[in-house]
């Protein structure tokens, strides 16, 4: 294998590791405390992340736009959103959209997005880890 191929492989491995660590950190603070297991919750966490992103950018949180964004069946997204409501992470608004619970709305979403952008641009694991903690809602409150 040539040097360039080895470097590309190392970058890919680092990015995948960072991605998985971010998901594990989010799971640790948002799902594991509710008795959930990481491996079986990956798809649920992806829907959770898309819903938070829609909310953070001011887009109404509905199953159909999220399903289109994630290229998942609408019914699957609807079931996952129902699970997120049951877990106390989202609630139904009067207009039938989903909104994060008050606890989640207190998280600094803009700061989380800024940290994530910095982490992915610089491939800095510490920044990505910090961003994951903010996204999970554990910026300064969690160990």
N, C-alpha and C. Protein backbone atom coordinates (compact mmCIF):
# COMPACT_ATOMS: atom_id res chain seq x y z
N UNK A 1 0.85 -1.17 0.00
CA UNK A 1 0.00 0.00 0.00
C UNK A 1 0.90 1.24 0.00
N UNK A 2 0.53 2.23 -0.82
CA UNK A 2 1.32 3.45 -0.90
C UNK A 2 1.03 4.37 0.28
N UNK A 3 1.93 5.31 0.48
CA UNK A 3 1.83 6.22 1.62
C UNK A 3 0.52 7.01 1.59
N UNK A 4 0.12 7.52 0.42
CA UNK A 4 -1.12 8.29 0.31
C UNK A 4 -2.33 7.44 0.69
N UNK A 5 -2.34 6.20 0.26
CA UNK A 5 -3.44 5.31 0.60
C UNK A 5 -3.48 5.05 2.09
N UNK A 6 -2.32 4.89 2.72
CA UNK A 6 -2.25 4.68 4.17
C UNK A 6 -2.76 5.90 4.92
N UNK A 7 -2.36 7.10 4.47
CA UNK A 7 -2.82 8.32 5.12
C UNK A 7 -4.33 8.49 4.98
N UNK A 8 -4.85 8.19 3.80
CA UNK A 8 -6.30 8.28 3.59
C UNK A 8 -7.03 7.28 4.49
N UNK A 9 -6.51 6.09 4.59
CA UNK A 9 -7.11 5.08 5.46
C UNK A 9 -7.09 5.54 6.93
N UNK A 10 -5.99 6.15 7.35
CA UNK A 10 -5.88 6.66 8.72
C UNK A 10 -6.89 7.78 8.96
N UNK A 11 -7.08 8.66 7.98
CA UNK A 11 -8.06 9.75 8.12
C UNK A 11 -9.46 9.17 8.22
N UNK A 12 -9.77 8.22 7.35
CA UNK A 12 -11.10 7.59 7.40
C UNK A 12 -11.33 6.91 8.75
N UNK A 13 -10.34 6.18 9.22
CA UNK A 13 -10.48 5.51 10.51
C UNK A 13 -10.70 6.52 11.63
N UNK A 14 -9.98 7.62 11.59
CA UNK A 14 -10.13 8.66 12.61
C UNK A 14 -11.52 9.28 12.56
N UNK A 15 -12.01 9.57 11.36
CA UNK A 15 -13.34 10.16 11.23
C UNK A 15 -14.43 9.20 11.72
N UNK A 16 -14.32 7.93 11.35
CA UNK A 16 -15.32 6.95 11.83
C UNK A 16 -15.25 6.81 13.34
N UNK A 17 -14.05 6.77 13.87
CA UNK A 17 -13.92 6.65 15.33
C UNK A 17 -14.54 7.86 16.02
N UNK A 18 -14.29 9.06 15.49
CA UNK A 18 -14.85 10.27 16.06
C UNK A 18 -16.38 10.22 16.00
N UNK A 19 -16.91 9.81 14.86
CA UNK A 19 -18.36 9.71 14.69
C UNK A 19 -18.98 8.76 15.71
N UNK A 20 -18.38 7.61 15.86
CA UNK A 20 -18.89 6.61 16.81
C UNK A 20 -18.77 7.12 18.24
N UNK A 21 -17.65 7.78 18.55
CA UNK A 21 -17.48 8.31 19.91
C UNK A 21 -18.51 9.40 20.21
N UNK A 22 -18.81 10.24 19.23
CA UNK A 22 -19.84 11.26 19.43
C UNK A 22 -21.18 10.59 19.71
N UNK A 23 -21.53 9.59 18.90
CA UNK A 23 -22.79 8.87 19.12
C UNK A 23 -22.82 8.19 20.48
N UNK A 24 -21.71 7.59 20.87
CA UNK A 24 -21.65 6.91 22.18
C UNK A 24 -21.82 7.91 23.32
N UNK A 25 -21.20 9.09 23.18
CA UNK A 25 -21.31 10.11 24.22
C UNK A 25 -22.75 10.62 24.33
N UNK A 26 -23.38 10.88 23.19
CA UNK A 26 -24.78 11.31 23.20
C UNK A 26 -25.65 10.22 23.82
N UNK A 27 -25.42 8.98 23.42
CA UNK A 27 -26.20 7.87 23.97
C UNK A 27 -26.03 7.78 25.48
N UNK A 28 -24.81 7.92 25.92
CA UNK A 28 -24.52 7.82 27.35
C UNK A 28 -25.37 8.79 28.18
N UNK A 29 -25.54 10.01 27.69
CA UNK A 29 -26.26 11.03 28.47
C UNK A 29 -27.74 11.12 28.17
N UNK A 30 -28.18 10.68 27.00
CA UNK A 30 -29.58 10.83 26.66
C UNK A 30 -30.37 9.53 26.66
N UNK A 31 -29.71 8.41 26.42
CA UNK A 31 -30.45 7.16 26.25
C UNK A 31 -30.09 6.10 27.28
N UNK A 32 -28.82 5.94 27.60
CA UNK A 32 -28.40 4.88 28.52
C UNK A 32 -29.03 5.06 29.89
N UNK A 33 -29.19 6.28 30.32
CA UNK A 33 -29.81 6.54 31.63
C UNK A 33 -31.28 6.14 31.66
N UNK A 34 -31.83 5.92 30.50
CA UNK A 34 -33.22 5.50 30.39
C UNK A 34 -33.31 4.00 30.11
N UNK A 35 -32.21 3.28 30.35
CA UNK A 35 -32.19 1.84 30.21
C UNK A 35 -32.04 1.34 28.78
N UNK A 36 -31.53 2.17 27.90
CA UNK A 36 -31.40 1.81 26.50
C UNK A 36 -29.99 1.32 26.20
N UNK A 37 -29.84 0.48 25.14
CA UNK A 37 -28.54 -0.06 24.73
C UNK A 37 -28.06 0.65 23.47
N UNK A 38 -26.76 0.93 23.40
CA UNK A 38 -26.19 1.70 22.30
C UNK A 38 -26.45 1.06 20.94
N UNK A 39 -26.06 -0.19 20.76
CA UNK A 39 -26.15 -0.83 19.44
C UNK A 39 -27.54 -0.80 18.85
N UNK A 40 -28.53 -1.10 19.65
CA UNK A 40 -29.90 -1.15 19.13
C UNK A 40 -30.52 0.24 19.00
N UNK A 41 -29.86 1.27 19.52
CA UNK A 41 -30.41 2.62 19.49
C UNK A 41 -29.79 3.52 18.42
N UNK A 42 -28.91 3.00 17.59
CA UNK A 42 -28.22 3.85 16.63
C UNK A 42 -29.21 4.56 15.71
N UNK A 43 -30.16 3.84 15.13
CA UNK A 43 -31.14 4.47 14.24
C UNK A 43 -31.99 5.49 14.99
N UNK A 44 -32.37 5.17 16.21
CA UNK A 44 -33.14 6.10 17.04
C UNK A 44 -32.35 7.38 17.29
N UNK A 45 -31.05 7.24 17.54
CA UNK A 45 -30.21 8.41 17.78
C UNK A 45 -30.06 9.27 16.53
N UNK A 46 -30.03 8.63 15.36
CA UNK A 46 -29.95 9.38 14.11
C UNK A 46 -31.22 10.21 13.92
N UNK A 47 -32.36 9.63 14.20
CA UNK A 47 -33.63 10.37 14.11
C UNK A 47 -33.64 11.49 15.16
N UNK A 48 -33.18 11.20 16.37
CA UNK A 48 -33.07 12.21 17.43
C UNK A 48 -32.19 13.37 16.95
N UNK A 49 -31.04 13.06 16.38
CA UNK A 49 -30.14 14.09 15.90
C UNK A 49 -30.76 14.93 14.80
N UNK A 50 -31.46 14.29 13.86
CA UNK A 50 -32.12 15.03 12.79
C UNK A 50 -33.22 15.92 13.34
N UNK A 51 -33.95 15.42 14.33
CA UNK A 51 -35.02 16.22 14.94
C UNK A 51 -34.43 17.42 15.67
N UNK A 52 -33.34 17.23 16.40
CA UNK A 52 -32.68 18.35 17.08
C UNK A 52 -32.17 19.36 16.06
N UNK A 53 -31.59 18.86 14.97
CA UNK A 53 -31.08 19.76 13.93
C UNK A 53 -32.23 20.56 13.31
N UNK A 54 -33.35 19.90 12.99
CA UNK A 54 -34.50 20.62 12.44
C UNK A 54 -34.95 21.70 13.41
N UNK A 55 -35.07 21.35 14.67
CA UNK A 55 -35.50 22.31 15.69
C UNK A 55 -34.49 23.45 15.81
N UNK A 56 -33.21 23.10 15.85
CA UNK A 56 -32.15 24.10 16.01
C UNK A 56 -32.08 25.10 14.88
N UNK A 57 -32.45 24.67 13.68
CA UNK A 57 -32.43 25.57 12.53
C UNK A 57 -33.79 26.20 12.27
N UNK A 58 -34.73 26.02 13.19
CA UNK A 58 -36.03 26.67 13.08
C UNK A 58 -37.00 25.99 12.14
N UNK A 59 -36.72 24.77 11.75
CA UNK A 59 -37.61 24.01 10.87
C UNK A 59 -38.57 23.21 11.73
N UNK A 60 -39.87 23.21 11.41
CA UNK A 60 -40.80 22.42 12.21
C UNK A 60 -40.37 20.94 12.23
N UNK A 61 -40.48 20.33 13.38
CA UNK A 61 -40.07 18.94 13.54
C UNK A 61 -41.28 18.06 13.28
N UNK A 62 -41.28 17.45 12.09
CA UNK A 62 -42.34 16.53 11.68
C UNK A 62 -41.69 15.29 11.09
N UNK A 63 -42.40 14.19 11.12
CA UNK A 63 -41.85 12.92 10.63
C UNK A 63 -41.52 12.96 9.14
N UNK A 64 -42.38 13.55 8.32
CA UNK A 64 -42.17 13.52 6.88
C UNK A 64 -40.88 14.23 6.44
N UNK A 65 -40.63 15.48 6.87
CA UNK A 65 -39.38 16.11 6.45
C UNK A 65 -38.14 15.38 6.98
N UNK A 66 -38.24 14.84 8.19
CA UNK A 66 -37.10 14.09 8.73
C UNK A 66 -36.89 12.82 7.93
N UNK A 67 -37.97 12.15 7.56
CA UNK A 67 -37.83 10.92 6.78
C UNK A 67 -37.21 11.21 5.42
N UNK A 68 -37.58 12.32 4.83
CA UNK A 68 -36.97 12.70 3.54
C UNK A 68 -35.49 13.01 3.72
N UNK A 69 -35.18 13.76 4.75
CA UNK A 69 -33.79 14.14 5.02
C UNK A 69 -32.92 12.90 5.25
N UNK A 70 -33.44 11.96 6.02
CA UNK A 70 -32.67 10.75 6.35
C UNK A 70 -32.84 9.63 5.33
N UNK A 71 -33.75 9.83 4.38
CA UNK A 71 -34.06 8.79 3.40
C UNK A 71 -34.49 7.49 4.09
N UNK A 72 -35.41 7.67 5.05
CA UNK A 72 -35.98 6.56 5.81
C UNK A 72 -37.49 6.57 5.60
N UNK A 73 -38.14 5.44 5.77
CA UNK A 73 -39.60 5.43 5.68
C UNK A 73 -40.22 6.35 6.73
N UNK A 74 -41.26 7.08 6.33
CA UNK A 74 -41.93 8.01 7.24
C UNK A 74 -42.44 7.28 8.48
N UNK A 75 -42.98 6.10 8.28
CA UNK A 75 -43.54 5.34 9.41
C UNK A 75 -42.44 4.98 10.42
N UNK A 76 -41.27 4.67 9.95
CA UNK A 76 -40.14 4.36 10.84
C UNK A 76 -39.78 5.60 11.66
N UNK A 77 -39.70 6.75 11.00
CA UNK A 77 -39.39 8.00 11.70
C UNK A 77 -40.49 8.33 12.69
N UNK A 78 -41.74 8.14 12.29
CA UNK A 78 -42.87 8.41 13.19
C UNK A 78 -42.78 7.56 14.45
N UNK A 79 -42.46 6.27 14.28
CA UNK A 79 -42.32 5.38 15.45
C UNK A 79 -41.16 5.83 16.34
N UNK A 80 -40.04 6.21 15.72
CA UNK A 80 -38.90 6.69 16.52
C UNK A 80 -39.26 7.97 17.25
N UNK A 81 -39.98 8.87 16.60
CA UNK A 81 -40.39 10.10 17.28
C UNK A 81 -41.31 9.77 18.45
N UNK A 82 -42.18 8.78 18.28
CA UNK A 82 -43.02 8.33 19.38
C UNK A 82 -42.19 7.80 20.54
N UNK A 83 -41.11 7.08 20.22
CA UNK A 83 -40.21 6.59 21.26
C UNK A 83 -39.52 7.74 21.97
N UNK A 84 -39.12 8.75 21.21
CA UNK A 84 -38.46 9.91 21.81
C UNK A 84 -39.42 10.65 22.74
N UNK A 85 -40.70 10.68 22.39
CA UNK A 85 -41.71 11.26 23.28
C UNK A 85 -41.84 10.41 24.54
N UNK A 86 -41.92 9.10 24.37
CA UNK A 86 -42.05 8.19 25.51
C UNK A 86 -40.83 8.26 26.44
N UNK A 87 -39.66 8.53 25.87
CA UNK A 87 -38.44 8.64 26.67
C UNK A 87 -38.31 10.01 27.34
N UNK A 88 -39.22 10.92 27.03
CA UNK A 88 -39.19 12.24 27.64
C UNK A 88 -38.19 13.19 27.01
N UNK A 89 -37.79 12.93 25.77
CA UNK A 89 -36.84 13.80 25.08
C UNK A 89 -37.55 14.82 24.19
N UNK A 90 -38.71 14.45 23.65
CA UNK A 90 -39.52 15.35 22.83
C UNK A 90 -40.94 15.29 23.35
N UNK A 91 -41.73 16.28 22.97
CA UNK A 91 -43.15 16.30 23.29
C UNK A 91 -43.90 16.85 22.08
N UNK A 92 -45.19 16.57 22.04
CA UNK A 92 -46.03 17.08 20.95
C UNK A 92 -46.45 18.50 21.26
N UNK A 93 -46.31 19.37 20.28
CA UNK A 93 -46.79 20.74 20.41
C UNK A 93 -48.26 20.79 19.99
N UNK A 94 -48.90 21.92 20.24
CA UNK A 94 -50.31 22.06 19.89
C UNK A 94 -50.55 21.92 18.39
N UNK A 95 -49.58 22.33 17.57
CA UNK A 95 -49.74 22.24 16.11
C UNK A 95 -49.33 20.87 15.56
N UNK A 96 -49.19 19.89 16.45
CA UNK A 96 -48.86 18.50 16.11
C UNK A 96 -47.42 18.30 15.62
N UNK A 97 -46.58 19.32 15.78
CA UNK A 97 -45.15 19.11 15.52
C UNK A 97 -44.53 18.57 16.81
N UNK A 98 -43.30 18.19 16.74
CA UNK A 98 -42.56 17.74 17.91
C UNK A 98 -41.63 18.86 18.36
N UNK A 99 -41.49 19.02 19.66
CA UNK A 99 -40.53 19.98 20.20
C UNK A 99 -39.74 19.28 21.30
N UNK A 100 -38.47 19.66 21.44
CA UNK A 100 -37.70 19.08 22.54
C UNK A 100 -38.35 19.45 23.87
N UNK A 101 -38.20 18.59 24.85
CA UNK A 101 -38.72 18.91 26.17
C UNK A 101 -37.98 20.13 26.71
N UNK A 102 -38.51 20.71 27.74
CA UNK A 102 -37.91 21.92 28.32
C UNK A 102 -36.45 21.68 28.68
N UNK A 103 -36.17 20.51 29.23
CA UNK A 103 -34.79 20.17 29.60
C UNK A 103 -33.86 20.28 28.40
N UNK A 104 -34.29 19.75 27.27
CA UNK A 104 -33.46 19.80 26.07
C UNK A 104 -33.38 21.20 25.49
N UNK A 105 -34.46 21.97 25.60
CA UNK A 105 -34.45 23.33 25.04
C UNK A 105 -33.46 24.22 25.79
N UNK A 106 -33.08 23.84 26.99
CA UNK A 106 -32.11 24.64 27.74
C UNK A 106 -30.68 24.45 27.24
N UNK A 107 -30.44 23.45 26.41
CA UNK A 107 -29.12 23.21 25.85
C UNK A 107 -28.80 24.32 24.85
N UNK A 108 -27.56 24.76 24.85
CA UNK A 108 -27.15 25.81 23.92
C UNK A 108 -26.91 25.21 22.54
N UNK A 109 -27.95 25.15 21.72
CA UNK A 109 -27.86 24.50 20.41
C UNK A 109 -26.86 25.21 19.50
N UNK A 110 -26.87 26.55 19.47
CA UNK A 110 -25.92 27.26 18.61
C UNK A 110 -24.48 26.95 18.98
N UNK A 111 -24.22 26.90 20.27
CA UNK A 111 -22.86 26.60 20.73
C UNK A 111 -22.49 25.16 20.33
N UNK A 112 -23.42 24.25 20.47
CA UNK A 112 -23.16 22.86 20.09
C UNK A 112 -22.82 22.75 18.61
N UNK A 113 -23.59 23.43 17.78
CA UNK A 113 -23.34 23.37 16.34
C UNK A 113 -21.98 23.98 16.00
N UNK A 114 -21.62 25.09 16.65
CA UNK A 114 -20.33 25.72 16.41
C UNK A 114 -19.20 24.78 16.80
N UNK A 115 -19.32 24.14 17.94
CA UNK A 115 -18.29 23.21 18.38
C UNK A 115 -18.17 22.01 17.45
N UNK A 116 -19.30 21.53 16.97
CA UNK A 116 -19.27 20.41 16.02
C UNK A 116 -18.57 20.81 14.73
N UNK A 117 -18.87 22.01 14.23
CA UNK A 117 -18.21 22.47 13.01
C UNK A 117 -16.70 22.57 13.22
N UNK A 118 -16.29 23.10 14.36
CA UNK A 118 -14.86 23.20 14.65
C UNK A 118 -14.23 21.81 14.74
N UNK A 119 -14.93 20.89 15.39
CA UNK A 119 -14.39 19.54 15.56
C UNK A 119 -14.25 18.79 14.27
N UNK A 120 -15.22 18.92 13.37
CA UNK A 120 -15.13 18.18 12.11
C UNK A 120 -14.17 18.86 11.15
N UNK A 121 -14.02 20.19 11.25
CA UNK A 121 -13.09 20.88 10.35
C UNK A 121 -11.65 20.58 10.74
N UNK A 122 -11.38 20.51 12.06
CA UNK A 122 -10.01 20.30 12.51
C UNK A 122 -9.69 18.87 12.87
N UNK A 123 -10.68 17.98 12.82
CA UNK A 123 -10.50 16.57 13.21
C UNK A 123 -9.92 16.46 14.61
N UNK A 124 -10.31 17.37 15.48
CA UNK A 124 -9.80 17.40 16.84
C UNK A 124 -10.75 16.61 17.74
N UNK A 125 -10.30 15.48 18.23
CA UNK A 125 -11.14 14.62 19.05
C UNK A 125 -11.64 15.29 20.31
N UNK A 126 -10.80 16.15 20.95
CA UNK A 126 -11.23 16.81 22.17
C UNK A 126 -12.37 17.79 21.90
N UNK A 127 -12.28 18.53 20.81
CA UNK A 127 -13.35 19.46 20.46
C UNK A 127 -14.62 18.69 20.11
N UNK A 128 -14.46 17.61 19.37
CA UNK A 128 -15.63 16.79 19.00
C UNK A 128 -16.27 16.20 20.25
N UNK A 129 -15.45 15.75 21.19
CA UNK A 129 -15.98 15.19 22.43
C UNK A 129 -16.73 16.27 23.20
N UNK A 130 -16.16 17.48 23.27
CA UNK A 130 -16.84 18.59 23.95
C UNK A 130 -18.15 18.92 23.26
N UNK A 131 -18.14 18.91 21.94
CA UNK A 131 -19.37 19.19 21.20
C UNK A 131 -20.42 18.14 21.47
N UNK A 132 -20.00 16.89 21.54
CA UNK A 132 -20.94 15.81 21.82
C UNK A 132 -21.58 16.00 23.19
N UNK A 133 -20.79 16.43 24.16
CA UNK A 133 -21.33 16.68 25.50
C UNK A 133 -22.36 17.81 25.47
N UNK A 134 -22.09 18.86 24.68
CA UNK A 134 -23.05 19.96 24.57
C UNK A 134 -24.33 19.48 23.89
N UNK A 135 -24.19 18.73 22.80
CA UNK A 135 -25.36 18.21 22.09
C UNK A 135 -26.16 17.30 23.01
N UNK A 136 -25.47 16.54 23.83
CA UNK A 136 -26.15 15.63 24.74
C UNK A 136 -26.80 16.39 25.89
N UNK A 137 -26.44 17.66 26.05
CA UNK A 137 -27.01 18.45 27.12
C UNK A 137 -26.19 18.40 28.39
N UNK A 138 -24.92 18.06 28.25
CA UNK A 138 -24.07 17.89 29.42
C UNK A 138 -22.84 18.78 29.35
N UNK A 139 -22.99 19.96 28.81
CA UNK A 139 -21.86 20.86 28.61
C UNK A 139 -21.05 21.04 29.89
N UNK A 140 -21.67 21.54 30.95
CA UNK A 140 -20.94 21.74 32.19
C UNK A 140 -21.60 21.01 33.35
N UNK A 141 -22.79 20.46 33.15
CA UNK A 141 -23.53 19.87 34.25
C UNK A 141 -23.19 18.40 34.51
N UNK A 142 -22.57 17.73 33.55
CA UNK A 142 -22.33 16.30 33.70
C UNK A 142 -20.85 16.02 33.93
N UNK A 143 -20.55 14.89 34.58
CA UNK A 143 -19.14 14.56 34.85
C UNK A 143 -18.36 14.26 33.57
